[in-house]
Amino acid sequence: MNKEMLLQVHERVKPYIHRTPVLTSELINEMVQANLYFKCENFQKMGAFKMRGAANAILSLSKEEQAKGVVTHSSGNFAQALSLAAKKIGVKAYIVMPKNAPQVKKNAVKTYEGEIIECDSNPIAREEMAAKVQKETGATFIHPSNDDAVIYGQGTAAIELLEDYPDLNYIFSPIGGGGLIAGTALAVNYFSNHCKVIGGEPKNADDAYRSLLSGKIEGNDEVNTIADGLRTFLGDRNFPIIKKYVEKIVRVEEEEIIEAMKLIWERMKIIIEPSSAVAFAAVLKNKEDFKNKKIGVILSGGNVDVGNLPF
């Protein structure tokens, strides 16, 4: 991977994504005593950054591969992203979803013409069903976060942020499966000389924090966090990038995530999901370290159940 290749990825996905706005809040800047620039991927198509990686993954396939379709397993944003990207590009999408996935998410996948195949609600059942679909249809499996083309696609959000604000000192990204932060770290490495990437992670699902300490991919016994998009593990494609290019990971408590989410809703009048608030919560937690700095914060998505808010 190099700068030129990342620019090609950006050009490739541009027709299929929104260039999302970067918003600021004087009140939040005063609170933190720094300048914060929020990259609003909650305004992305299907409501999350994952549209970028999904589009790039499908566009990276040969015409023969595209003709056979794509398959993934996801109960959330990637299910919607791959379905919508496939629909726009004209490719069939098979989506393996757990039986107990929220109906609102199943409905969204159907709206984007993804074909849902249900499975039991555990990681092994998901993988087995995806492998079965792959075998029966010849579709290409695309992992939601542990896939090179997906990682590069997710990095385009940070490319845009650095094009708008080239002198950022830090970019904060949430970390779950690791696709967004790995793509962000690659973009920062090639498009900035002095910017550092910091991850925000729920303390109740701190596998990435522990993985950086131990140098190998760790798991979680329990993932009891409101940030439902961050309950997944790192993979062998994104972890080496994270290990090499991410400065550190800041763990945040559940109350801190809720407080950060509430602040953004109240002060900026925009809807973000709990997982999005984690990166901002990480800034708030250590704000004395970032005084007078210029900080980009990736608001990863806005797909929240408004009937079930934590405040």
C-alpha atoms as a PDB file:
ATOM      1  CA  MET A   1       0.000   0.000   0.000  1.00  0.00           C
ATOM      2  CA  ASN A   2       1.195   3.531  -0.787  1.00  0.00           C
ATOM      3  CA  LYS A   3      -0.180   7.044  -1.085  1.00  0.00           C
ATOM      4  CA  GLU A   4      -0.926   6.665  -4.800  1.00  0.00           C
ATOM      5  CA  MET A   5      -2.947   3.484  -4.204  1.00  0.00           C
ATOM      6  CA  LEU A   6      -4.991   5.139  -1.460  1.00  0.00           C
ATOM      7  CA  LEU A   7      -5.752   8.054  -3.789  1.00  0.00           C
ATOM      8  CA  GLN A   8      -6.930   5.544  -6.415  1.00  0.00           C
ATOM      9  CA  VAL A   9      -9.223   3.940  -3.815  1.00  0.00           C
ATOM     10  CA  HIS A  10     -10.692   7.359  -3.021  1.00  0.00           C
ATOM     11  CA  GLU A  11     -11.316   8.112  -6.708  1.00  0.00           C
ATOM     12  CA  ARG A  12     -12.903   4.672  -7.152  1.00  0.00           C
ATOM     13  CA  VAL A  13     -15.431   5.049  -4.321  1.00  0.00           C
ATOM     14  CA  LYS A  14     -16.276   8.747  -4.820  1.00  0.00           C
ATOM     15  CA  PRO A  15     -19.279   8.124  -7.123  1.00  0.00           C
ATOM     16  CA  TYR A  16     -20.830   5.813  -4.492  1.00  0.00           C
ATOM     17  CA  ILE A  17     -20.345   7.821  -1.282  1.00  0.00           C
ATOM     18  CA  HIS A  18     -21.052  11.251   0.172  1.00  0.00           C
ATOM     19  CA  ARG A  19     -18.170  13.537   0.990  1.00  0.00           C
ATOM     20  CA  THR A  20     -19.395  14.101   4.520  1.00  0.00           C
ATOM     21  CA  PRO A  21     -19.151  17.503   6.214  1.00  0.00           C
ATOM     22  CA  VAL A  22     -16.721  18.425   8.986  1.00  0.00           C
ATOM     23  CA  LEU A  23     -18.487  20.292  11.792  1.00  0.00           C
ATOM     24  CA  THR A  24     -17.170  22.262  14.762  1.00  0.00           C
ATOM     25  CA  SER A  25     -18.670  23.597  17.996  1.00  0.00           C
ATOM     26  CA  GLU A  26     -17.293  26.658  19.770  1.00  0.00           C
ATOM     27  CA  LEU A  27     -18.844  25.487  23.013  1.00  0.00           C
ATOM     28  CA  ILE A  28     -17.166  22.074  22.819  1.00  0.00           C
ATOM     29  CA  ASN A  29     -13.865  23.711  21.842  1.00  0.00           C
ATOM     30  CA  GLU A  30     -14.063  25.900  24.960  1.00  0.00           C
ATOM     31  CA  MET A  31     -14.883  22.874  27.111  1.00  0.00           C
ATOM     32  CA  VAL A  32     -11.893  20.907  25.847  1.00  0.00           C
ATOM     33  CA  GLN A  33      -9.669  23.975  25.327  1.00  0.00           C
ATOM     34  CA  ALA A  34      -8.685  22.622  21.934  1.00  0.00           C
ATOM     35  CA  ASN A  35     -10.017  22.819  18.367  1.00  0.00           C
ATOM     36  CA  LEU A  36     -12.114  19.776  17.459  1.00  0.00           C
ATOM     37  CA  TYR A  37     -13.142  18.895  13.925  1.00  0.00           C
ATOM     38  CA  PHE A  38     -15.891  16.282  13.703  1.00  0.00           C
ATOM     39  CA  LYS A  39     -15.919  14.198  10.499  1.00  0.00           C
ATOM     40  CA  CYS A  40     -19.634  13.392  10.266  1.00  0.00           C
ATOM     41  CA  GLU A  41     -19.894   9.880   8.866  1.00  0.00           C
ATOM     42  CA  ASN A  42     -23.346   9.742  10.491  1.00  0.00           C
ATOM     43  CA  PHE A  43     -24.350  11.631   7.305  1.00  0.00           C
ATOM     44  CA  GLN A  44     -22.816   8.954   5.066  1.00  0.00           C
ATOM     45  CA  LYS A  45     -25.073   6.864   2.819  1.00  0.00           C
ATOM     46  CA  MET A  46     -26.807   4.193   5.003  1.00  0.00           C
ATOM     47  CA  GLY A  47     -25.727   6.256   8.005  1.00  0.00           C
ATOM     48  CA  ALA A  48     -22.176   5.027   8.649  1.00  0.00           C
ATOM     49  CA  PHE A  49     -18.591   5.038   7.357  1.00  0.00           C
ATOM     50  CA  LYS A  50     -18.936   1.377   6.351  1.00  0.00           C
ATOM     51  CA  MET A  51     -20.343   2.362   2.949  1.00  0.00           C
ATOM     52  CA  ARG A  52     -16.794   3.365   1.964  1.00  0.00           C
ATOM     53  CA  GLY A  53     -15.186  -0.014   2.630  1.00  0.00           C
ATOM     54  CA  ALA A  54     -18.126  -1.978   1.215  1.00  0.00           C
ATOM     55  CA  ALA A  55     -18.054  -0.032  -2.042  1.00  0.00           C
ATOM     56  CA  ASN A  56     -14.285  -0.399  -2.422  1.00  0.00           C
ATOM     57  CA  ALA A  57     -14.406  -4.140  -1.699  1.00  0.00           C
ATOM     58  CA  ILE A  58     -17.034  -4.770  -4.396  1.00  0.00           C
ATOM     59  CA  LEU A  59     -15.346  -2.444  -6.918  1.00  0.00           C
ATOM     60  CA  SER A  60     -12.039  -4.279  -6.355  1.00  0.00           C
ATOM     61  CA  LEU A  61     -13.531  -7.558  -7.624  1.00  0.00           C
ATOM     62  CA  SER A  62     -13.244  -8.736 -11.215  1.00  0.00           C
ATOM     63  CA  LYS A  63     -16.339  -8.623 -13.464  1.00  0.00           C
ATOM     64  CA  GLU A  64     -16.586 -12.433 -13.177  1.00  0.00           C
ATOM     65  CA  GLU A  65     -16.530 -12.247  -9.377  1.00  0.00           C
ATOM     66  CA  GLN A  66     -19.062  -9.413  -9.321  1.00  0.00           C
ATOM     67  CA  ALA A  67     -21.415 -11.478 -11.492  1.00  0.00           C
ATOM     68  CA  LYS A  68     -21.566 -14.168  -8.779  1.00  0.00           C
ATOM     69  CA  GLY A  69     -22.344 -11.700  -5.978  1.00  0.00           C
ATOM     70  CA  VAL A  70     -20.926 -11.031  -2.526  1.00  0.00           C
ATOM     71  CA  VAL A  71     -21.644 -12.475   0.912  1.00  0.00           C
ATOM     72  CA  THR A  72     -20.960 -11.242   4.432  1.00  0.00           C
ATOM     73  CA  HIS A  73     -22.079 -11.941   7.987  1.00  0.00           C
ATOM     74  CA  SER A  74     -23.201  -8.936  10.005  1.00  0.00           C
ATOM     75  CA  SER A  75     -26.086  -7.986  12.243  1.00  0.00           C
ATOM     76  CA  GLY A  76     -25.517  -4.276  11.865  1.00  0.00           C
ATOM     77  CA  ASN A  77     -24.044  -1.502   9.762  1.00  0.00           C
ATOM     78  CA  PHE A  78     -21.951  -3.622   7.414  1.00  0.00           C
ATOM     79  CA  ALA A  79     -25.021  -5.684   6.451  1.00  0.00           C
ATOM     80  CA  GLN A  80     -26.666  -2.453   5.333  1.00  0.00           C
ATOM     81  CA  ALA A  81     -23.503  -1.040   3.745  1.00  0.00           C
ATOM     82  CA  LEU A  82     -22.761  -4.099   1.612  1.00  0.00           C
ATOM     83  CA  SER A  83     -26.412  -4.359   0.532  1.00  0.00           C
ATOM     84  CA  LEU A  84     -26.590  -0.719  -0.553  1.00  0.00           C
ATOM     85  CA  ALA A  85     -23.162  -0.697  -2.219  1.00  0.00           C
ATOM     86  CA  ALA A  86     -24.034  -3.913  -4.088  1.00  0.00           C
ATOM     87  CA  LYS A  87     -27.357  -2.459  -5.214  1.00  0.00           C
ATOM     88  CA  LYS A  88     -25.691   0.722  -6.521  1.00  0.00           C
ATOM     89  CA  ILE A  89     -22.959  -1.214  -8.334  1.00  0.00           C
ATOM     90  CA  GLY A  90     -25.440  -3.790  -9.664  1.00  0.00           C
ATOM     91  CA  VAL A  91     -24.245  -6.848  -7.757  1.00  0.00           C
ATOM     92  CA  LYS A  92     -26.189  -9.438  -5.738  1.00  0.00           C
ATOM     93  CA  ALA A  93     -25.590  -9.348  -1.949  1.00  0.00           C
ATOM     94  CA  TYR A  94     -26.207 -12.283   0.425  1.00  0.00           C
ATOM     95  CA  ILE A  95     -26.316 -11.214   4.061  1.00  0.00           C
ATOM     96  CA  VAL A  96     -26.012 -13.760   6.874  1.00  0.00           C
ATOM     97  CA  MET A  97     -27.737 -12.309   9.951  1.00  0.00           C
ATOM     98  CA  PRO A  98     -28.439 -13.825  13.376  1.00  0.00           C
ATOM     99  CA  LYS A  99     -32.106 -14.694  13.945  1.00  0.00           C
ATOM    100  CA  ASN A 100     -32.257 -12.231  16.849  1.00  0.00           C
ATOM    101  CA  ALA A 101     -30.859  -9.252  14.880  1.00  0.00           C
ATOM    102  CA  PRO A 102     -33.061  -6.166  15.370  1.00  0.00           C
ATOM    103  CA  GLN A 103     -35.980  -6.089  12.942  1.00  0.00           C
ATOM    104  CA  VAL A 104     -35.133  -2.491  12.036  1.00  0.00           C
ATOM    105  CA  LYS A 105     -31.739  -3.692  10.720  1.00  0.00           C
ATOM    106  CA  LYS A 106     -33.289  -6.573   8.781  1.00  0.00           C
ATOM    107  CA  ASN A 107     -35.770  -4.125   7.243  1.00  0.00           C
ATOM    108  CA  ALA A 108     -32.939  -1.821   6.163  1.00  0.00           C
ATOM    109  CA  VAL A 109     -31.110  -4.696   4.461  1.00  0.00           C
ATOM    110  CA  LYS A 110     -34.322  -5.638   2.627  1.00  0.00           C
ATOM    111  CA  THR A 111     -34.808  -2.024   1.526  1.00  0.00           C
ATOM    112  CA  TYR A 112     -31.365  -2.172  -0.089  1.00  0.00           C
ATOM    113  CA  GLU A 113     -32.300  -5.477  -1.770  1.00  0.00           C
ATOM    114  CA  GLY A 114     -29.850  -7.617   0.196  1.00  0.00           C
ATOM    115  CA  GLU A 115     -30.921 -11.265   0.532  1.00  0.00           C
ATOM    116  CA  ILE A 116     -31.011 -12.252   4.210  1.00  0.00           C
ATOM    117  CA  ILE A 117     -30.015 -15.754   5.303  1.00  0.00           C
ATOM    118  CA  GLU A 118     -30.672 -16.289   9.009  1.00  0.00           C
ATOM    119  CA  CYS A 119     -28.423 -18.238  11.391  1.00  0.00           C
ATOM    120  CA  ASP A 120     -28.040 -18.867  15.116  1.00  0.00           C
ATOM    121  CA  SER A 121     -26.706 -15.996  17.179  1.00  0.00           C
ATOM    122  CA  ASN A 122     -23.069 -16.950  17.669  1.00  0.00           C
ATOM    123  CA  PRO A 123     -19.868 -16.264  15.701  1.00  0.00           C
ATOM    124  CA  ILE A 124     -19.329 -19.885  14.632  1.00  0.00           C
ATOM    125  CA  ALA A 125     -22.858 -20.220  13.225  1.00  0.00           C
ATOM    126  CA  ARG A 126     -22.363 -16.977  11.280  1.00  0.00           C
ATOM    127  CA  GLU A 127     -19.118 -18.162   9.723  1.00  0.00           C
ATOM    128  CA  GLU A 128     -20.457 -21.619   8.871  1.00  0.00           C
ATOM    129  CA  MET A 129     -23.549 -20.185   7.187  1.00  0.00           C
ATOM    130  CA  ALA A 130     -21.502 -17.639   5.216  1.00  0.00           C
ATOM    131  CA  ALA A 131     -19.189 -20.455   4.032  1.00  0.00           C
ATOM    132  CA  LYS A 132     -22.233 -22.501   2.972  1.00  0.00           C
ATOM    133  CA  VAL A 133     -23.683 -19.586   0.961  1.00  0.00           C
ATOM    134  CA  GLN A 134     -20.267 -18.986  -0.593  1.00  0.00           C
ATOM    135  CA  LYS A 135     -20.009 -22.623  -1.651  1.00  0.00           C
ATOM    136  CA  GLU A 136     -23.544 -22.773  -3.068  1.00  0.00           C
ATOM    137  CA  THR A 137     -23.516 -19.473  -4.973  1.00  0.00           C
ATOM    138  CA  GLY A 138     -19.863 -18.823  -5.805  1.00  0.00           C
ATOM    139  CA  ALA A 139     -20.214 -15.400  -4.162  1.00  0.00           C
ATOM    140  CA  THR A 140     -17.084 -13.706  -2.788  1.00  0.00           C
ATOM    141  CA  PHE A 141     -16.918 -13.435   0.998  1.00  0.00           C
ATOM    142  CA  ILE A 142     -16.245  -9.897   2.268  1.00  0.00           C
ATOM    143  CA  HIS A 143     -15.397  -9.520   5.944  1.00  0.00           C
ATOM    144  CA  PRO A 144     -16.810  -6.383   7.634  1.00  0.00           C
ATOM    145  CA  SER A 145     -13.429  -5.240   8.984  1.00  0.00           C
ATOM    146  CA  ASN A 146     -10.649  -7.768   8.360  1.00  0.00           C
ATOM    147  CA  ASP A 147     -10.301  -7.302   4.608  1.00  0.00           C
ATOM    148  CA  ASP A 148      -7.668  -5.183   2.831  1.00  0.00           C
ATOM    149  CA  ALA A 149     -10.064  -3.550   0.356  1.00  0.00           C
ATOM    150  CA  VAL A 150     -12.502  -2.743   3.189  1.00  0.00           C
ATOM    151  CA  ILE A 151      -9.696  -1.230   5.314  1.00  0.00           C
ATOM    152  CA  TYR A 152      -8.461   0.957   2.439  1.00  0.00           C
ATOM    153  CA  GLY A 153     -12.005   2.123   1.728  1.00  0.00           C
ATOM    154  CA  GLN A 154     -12.554   3.116   5.364  1.00  0.00           C
ATOM    155  CA  GLY A 155      -9.348   5.165   5.197  1.00  0.00           C
ATOM    156  CA  THR A 156     -10.952   7.576   2.719  1.00  0.00           C
ATOM    157  CA  ALA A 157     -12.801   9.370   5.550  1.00  0.00           C
ATOM    158  CA  ALA A 158      -9.456  10.433   7.064  1.00  0.00           C
ATOM    159  CA  ILE A 159      -8.106  11.391   3.616  1.00  0.00           C
ATOM    160  CA  GLU A 160     -11.022  13.841   3.245  1.00  0.00           C
ATOM    161  CA  LEU A 161     -10.569  15.139   6.786  1.00  0.00           C
ATOM    162  CA  LEU A 162      -6.857  15.819   6.150  1.00  0.00           C
ATOM    163  CA  GLU A 163      -7.644  17.458   2.798  1.00  0.00           C
ATOM    164  CA  ASP A 164      -9.945  19.868   4.644  1.00  0.00           C
ATOM    165  CA  TYR A 165      -7.657  20.316   7.678  1.00  0.00           C
ATOM    166  CA  PRO A 166      -4.064  19.330   6.805  1.00  0.00           C
ATOM    167  CA  ASP A 167      -2.579  20.598  10.079  1.00  0.00           C
ATOM    168  CA  LEU A 168      -4.360  18.277  12.538  1.00  0.00           C
ATOM    169  CA  ASN A 169      -2.254  17.067  15.481  1.00  0.00           C
ATOM    170  CA  TYR A 170      -4.455  14.040  16.245  1.00  0.00           C
ATOM    171  CA  ILE A 171      -7.292  12.019  14.761  1.00  0.00           C
ATOM    172  CA  PHE A 172      -9.457  10.016  17.169  1.00  0.00           C
ATOM    173  CA  SER A 173     -11.307   6.983  15.860  1.00  0.00           C
ATOM    174  CA  PRO A 174     -13.503   4.407  17.599  1.00  0.00           C
ATOM    175  CA  ILE A 175     -12.131   0.861  17.554  1.00  0.00           C
ATOM    176  CA  GLY A 176     -14.193  -2.331  17.281  1.00  0.00           C
ATOM    177  CA  GLY A 177     -13.343  -4.739  14.478  1.00  0.00           C
ATOM    178  CA  GLY A 178     -10.420  -2.476  13.570  1.00  0.00           C
ATOM    179  CA  GLY A 179     -11.237  -1.640   9.945  1.00  0.00           C
ATOM    180  CA  LEU A 180     -11.871   2.075  10.451  1.00  0.00           C
ATOM    181  CA  ILE A 181      -8.894   2.788  12.697  1.00  0.00           C
ATOM    182  CA  ALA A 182      -6.526   0.747  10.486  1.00  0.00           C
ATOM    183  CA  GLY A 183      -7.665   2.631   7.376  1.00  0.00           C
ATOM    184  CA  THR A 184      -7.429   5.930   9.268  1.00  0.00           C
ATOM    185  CA  ALA A 185      -3.900   5.106  10.446  1.00  0.00           C
ATOM    186  CA  LEU A 186      -2.763   4.277   6.892  1.00  0.00           C
ATOM    187  CA  ALA A 187      -4.264   7.510   5.549  1.00  0.00           C
ATOM    188  CA  VAL A 188      -2.599   9.552   8.291  1.00  0.00           C
ATOM    189  CA  ASN A 189       0.734   7.837   7.647  1.00  0.00           C
ATOM    190  CA  TYR A 190       0.654   8.797   3.945  1.00  0.00           C
ATOM    191  CA  PHE A 191      -1.153  12.138   4.043  1.00  0.00           C
ATOM    192  CA  SER A 192       0.292  13.858   7.138  1.00  0.00           C
ATOM    193  CA  ASN A 193       3.766  14.390   8.554  1.00  0.00           C
ATOM    194  CA  HIS A 194       2.921  15.003  12.179  1.00  0.00           C
ATOM    195  CA  CYS A 195      -0.625  13.778  12.924  1.00  0.00           C
ATOM    196  CA  LYS A 196      -1.082  10.874  15.372  1.00  0.00           C
ATOM    197  CA  VAL A 197      -3.980   8.401  15.543  1.00  0.00           C
ATOM    198  CA  ILE A 198      -5.603   7.533  18.873  1.00  0.00           C
ATOM    199  CA  GLY A 199      -8.322   4.924  19.351  1.00  0.00           C
ATOM    200  CA  GLY A 200     -11.304   5.147  21.670  1.00  0.00           C
ATOM    201  CA  GLU A 201     -12.601   1.848  23.060  1.00  0.00           C
ATOM    202  CA  PRO A 202     -15.239   0.873  25.643  1.00  0.00           C
ATOM    203  CA  LYS A 203     -13.593  -0.407  28.828  1.00  0.00           C
ATOM    204  CA  ASN A 204     -16.150  -3.237  28.823  1.00  0.00           C
ATOM    205  CA  ALA A 205     -14.847  -4.455  25.444  1.00  0.00           C
ATOM    206  CA  ASP A 206     -11.170  -3.544  25.628  1.00  0.00           C
ATOM    207  CA  ASP A 207      -9.678  -6.336  23.511  1.00  0.00           C
ATOM    208  CA  ALA A 208      -7.811  -3.894  21.235  1.00  0.00           C
ATOM    209  CA  TYR A 209      -6.261  -2.093  24.218  1.00  0.00           C
ATOM    210  CA  ARG A 210      -5.042  -5.429  25.601  1.00  0.00           C
ATOM    211  CA  SER A 211      -3.927  -6.609  22.151  1.00  0.00           C
ATOM    212  CA  LEU A 212      -1.628  -3.576  21.799  1.00  0.00           C
ATOM    213  CA  LEU A 213      -0.120  -4.349  25.212  1.00  0.00           C
ATOM    214  CA  SER A 214       0.414  -8.077  24.586  1.00  0.00           C
ATOM    215  CA  GLY A 215       1.354  -7.792  20.909  1.00  0.00           C
ATOM    216  CA  LYS A 216      -1.181 -10.450  19.875  1.00  0.00           C
ATOM    217  CA  ILE A 217      -4.912 -10.434  19.164  1.00  0.00           C
ATOM    218  CA  GLU A 218      -6.878 -10.772  22.404  1.00  0.00           C
ATOM    219  CA  GLY A 219     -10.569 -11.573  22.810  1.00  0.00           C
ATOM    220  CA  ASN A 220     -13.275 -10.562  25.292  1.00  0.00           C
ATOM    221  CA  ASP A 221     -15.113 -12.971  27.576  1.00  0.00           C
ATOM    222  CA  GLU A 222     -17.995 -10.531  27.853  1.00  0.00           C
ATOM    223  CA  VAL A 223     -18.843  -7.437  25.839  1.00  0.00           C
ATOM    224  CA  ASN A 224     -21.413  -5.646  27.932  1.00  0.00           C
ATOM    225  CA  THR A 225     -21.275  -2.206  26.311  1.00  0.00           C
ATOM    226  CA  ILE A 226     -23.845   0.204  24.945  1.00  0.00           C
ATOM    227  CA  ALA A 227     -21.497   0.704  21.961  1.00  0.00           C
ATOM    228  CA  ASP A 228     -22.947  -2.256  20.069  1.00  0.00           C
ATOM    229  CA  GLY A 229     -20.870  -1.554  16.952  1.00  0.00           C
ATOM    230  CA  LEU A 230     -17.638  -2.088  18.905  1.00  0.00           C
ATOM    231  CA  ARG A 231     -18.233  -5.597  20.242  1.00  0.00           C
ATOM    232  CA  THR A 232     -16.196  -7.281  17.484  1.00  0.00           C
ATOM    233  CA  PHE A 233     -12.547  -8.395  17.526  1.00  0.00           C
ATOM    234  CA  LEU A 234      -9.487  -7.338  15.580  1.00  0.00           C
ATOM    235  CA  GLY A 235      -8.260  -9.476  12.695  1.00  0.00           C
ATOM    236  CA  ASP A 236      -4.958 -10.537  11.176  1.00  0.00           C
ATOM    237  CA  ARG A 237      -5.232  -7.992   8.318  1.00  0.00           C
ATOM    238  CA  ASN A 238      -5.874  -4.892  10.431  1.00  0.00           C
ATOM    239  CA  PHE A 239      -3.997  -5.666  13.660  1.00  0.00           C
ATOM    240  CA  PRO A 240      -0.468  -5.325  12.171  1.00  0.00           C
ATOM    241  CA  ILE A 241      -1.441  -1.868  10.803  1.00  0.00           C
ATOM    242  CA  ILE A 242      -2.865  -0.836  14.183  1.00  0.00           C
ATOM    243  CA  LYS A 243       0.235  -2.106  15.990  1.00  0.00           C
ATOM    244  CA  LYS A 244       2.517  -0.143  13.674  1.00  0.00           C
ATOM    245  CA  TYR A 245       0.677   3.149  13.245  1.00  0.00           C
ATOM    246  CA  VAL A 246      -1.749   3.757  16.144  1.00  0.00           C
ATOM    247  CA  GLU A 247      -0.269   5.863  18.948  1.00  0.00           C
ATOM    248  CA  LYS A 248      -2.444   4.462  21.743  1.00  0.00           C
ATOM    249  CA  ILE A 249      -5.945   3.401  22.749  1.00  0.00           C
ATOM    250  CA  VAL A 250      -7.957   5.175  25.426  1.00  0.00           C
ATOM    251  CA  ARG A 251     -10.580   3.150  27.307  1.00  0.00           C
ATOM    252  CA  VAL A 252     -13.818   4.853  28.336  1.00  0.00           C
ATOM    253  CA  GLU A 253     -16.523   3.906  30.834  1.00  0.00           C
ATOM    254  CA  GLU A 254     -20.179   3.424  29.859  1.00  0.00           C
ATOM    255  CA  GLU A 255     -21.235   6.671  31.614  1.00  0.00           C
ATOM    256  CA  GLU A 256     -18.550   8.567  29.678  1.00  0.00           C
ATOM    257  CA  ILE A 257     -19.859   7.198  26.365  1.00  0.00           C
ATOM    258  CA  ILE A 258     -23.423   8.238  27.227  1.00  0.00           C
ATOM    259  CA  GLU A 259     -22.271  11.701  28.357  1.00  0.00           C
ATOM    260  CA  ALA A 260     -20.299  12.251  25.131  1.00  0.00           C
ATOM    261  CA  MET A 261     -23.238  11.089  23.011  1.00  0.00           C
ATOM    262  CA  LYS A 262     -25.585  13.414  24.874  1.00  0.00           C
ATOM    263  CA  LEU A 263     -23.232  16.382  24.434  1.00  0.00           C
ATOM    264  CA  ILE A 264     -23.120  15.908  20.657  1.00  0.00           C
ATOM    265  CA  TRP A 265     -26.899  15.568  20.420  1.00  0.00           C
ATOM    266  CA  GLU A 266     -27.512  18.616  22.616  1.00  0.00           C
ATOM    267  CA  ARG A 267     -24.749  20.948  21.470  1.00  0.00           C
ATOM    268  CA  MET A 268     -24.310  20.046  17.811  1.00  0.00           C
ATOM    269  CA  LYS A 269     -27.907  18.996  17.097  1.00  0.00           C
ATOM    270  CA  ILE A 270     -26.797  15.879  15.254  1.00  0.00           C
ATOM    271  CA  ILE A 271     -27.704  12.247  15.800  1.00  0.00           C
ATOM    272  CA  ILE A 272     -24.868   9.824  16.495  1.00  0.00           C
ATOM    273  CA  GLU A 273     -24.944   6.246  17.762  1.00  0.00           C
ATOM    274  CA  PRO A 274     -23.151   5.216  20.996  1.00  0.00           C
ATOM    275  CA  SER A 275     -20.197   3.676  19.111  1.00  0.00           C
ATOM    276  CA  SER A 276     -19.597   7.088  17.484  1.00  0.00           C
ATOM    277  CA  ALA A 277     -19.470   8.812  20.844  1.00  0.00           C
ATOM    278  CA  VAL A 278     -16.588   6.626  22.046  1.00  0.00           C
ATOM    279  CA  ALA A 279     -13.896   8.560  20.124  1.00  0.00           C
ATOM    280  CA  PHE A 280     -15.166  11.886  21.485  1.00  0.00           C
ATOM    281  CA  ALA A 281     -15.413  10.391  25.002  1.00  0.00           C
ATOM    282  CA  ALA A 282     -11.711   9.470  24.716  1.00  0.00           C
ATOM    283  CA  VAL A 283     -10.847  13.121  23.957  1.00  0.00           C
ATOM    284  CA  LEU A 284     -12.924  14.366  26.902  1.00  0.00           C
ATOM    285  CA  LYS A 285     -11.349  11.861  29.273  1.00  0.00           C
ATOM    286  CA  ASN A 286      -7.793  13.140  28.745  1.00  0.00           C
ATOM    287  CA  LYS A 287      -8.477  16.685  27.621  1.00  0.00           C
ATOM    288  CA  GLU A 288      -5.571  18.169  29.621  1.00  0.00           C
ATOM    289  CA  ASP A 289      -3.207  16.228  27.290  1.00  0.00           C
ATOM    290  CA  PHE A 290      -4.604  17.942  24.213  1.00  0.00           C
ATOM    291  CA  LYS A 291      -4.773  21.598  25.223  1.00  0.00           C
ATOM    292  CA  ASN A 292      -4.590  23.991  22.254  1.00  0.00           C
ATOM    293  CA  LYS A 293      -4.212  21.105  19.790  1.00  0.00           C
ATOM    294  CA  LYS A 294      -6.146  20.544  16.563  1.00  0.00           C
ATOM    295  CA  ILE A 295      -8.043  17.284  16.811  1.00  0.00           C
ATOM    296  CA  GLY A 296     -10.060  15.401  14.226  1.00  0.00           C
ATOM    297  CA  VAL A 297     -12.779  13.112  15.577  1.00  0.00           C
ATOM    298  CA  ILE A 298     -14.450  10.554  13.333  1.00  0.00           C
ATOM    299  CA  LEU A 299     -18.155  10.284  14.155  1.00  0.00           C
ATOM    300  CA  SER A 300     -18.530   6.815  12.696  1.00  0.00           C
ATOM    301  CA  GLY A 301     -22.308   6.544  12.329  1.00  0.00           C
ATOM    302  CA  GLY A 302     -25.809   7.572  13.300  1.00  0.00           C
ATOM    303  CA  ASN A 303     -27.794   4.339  13.146  1.00  0.00           C
ATOM    304  CA  VAL A 304     -29.340   4.544  16.574  1.00  0.00           C
ATOM    305  CA  ASP A 305     -32.595   3.099  17.860  1.00  0.00           C
ATOM    306  CA  VAL A 306     -34.353   6.353  18.783  1.00  0.00           C
ATOM    307  CA  GLY A 307     -36.970   4.383  20.725  1.00  0.00           C
ATOM    308  CA  ASN A 308     -34.259   3.113  23.043  1.00  0.00           C
ATOM    309  CA  LEU A 309     -31.944   6.005  23.958  1.00  0.00           C
ATOM    310  CA  PRO A 310     -29.651   5.866  27.018  1.00  0.00           C
ATOM    311  CA  PHE A 311     -30.621   9.378  28.167  1.00  0.00           C
END
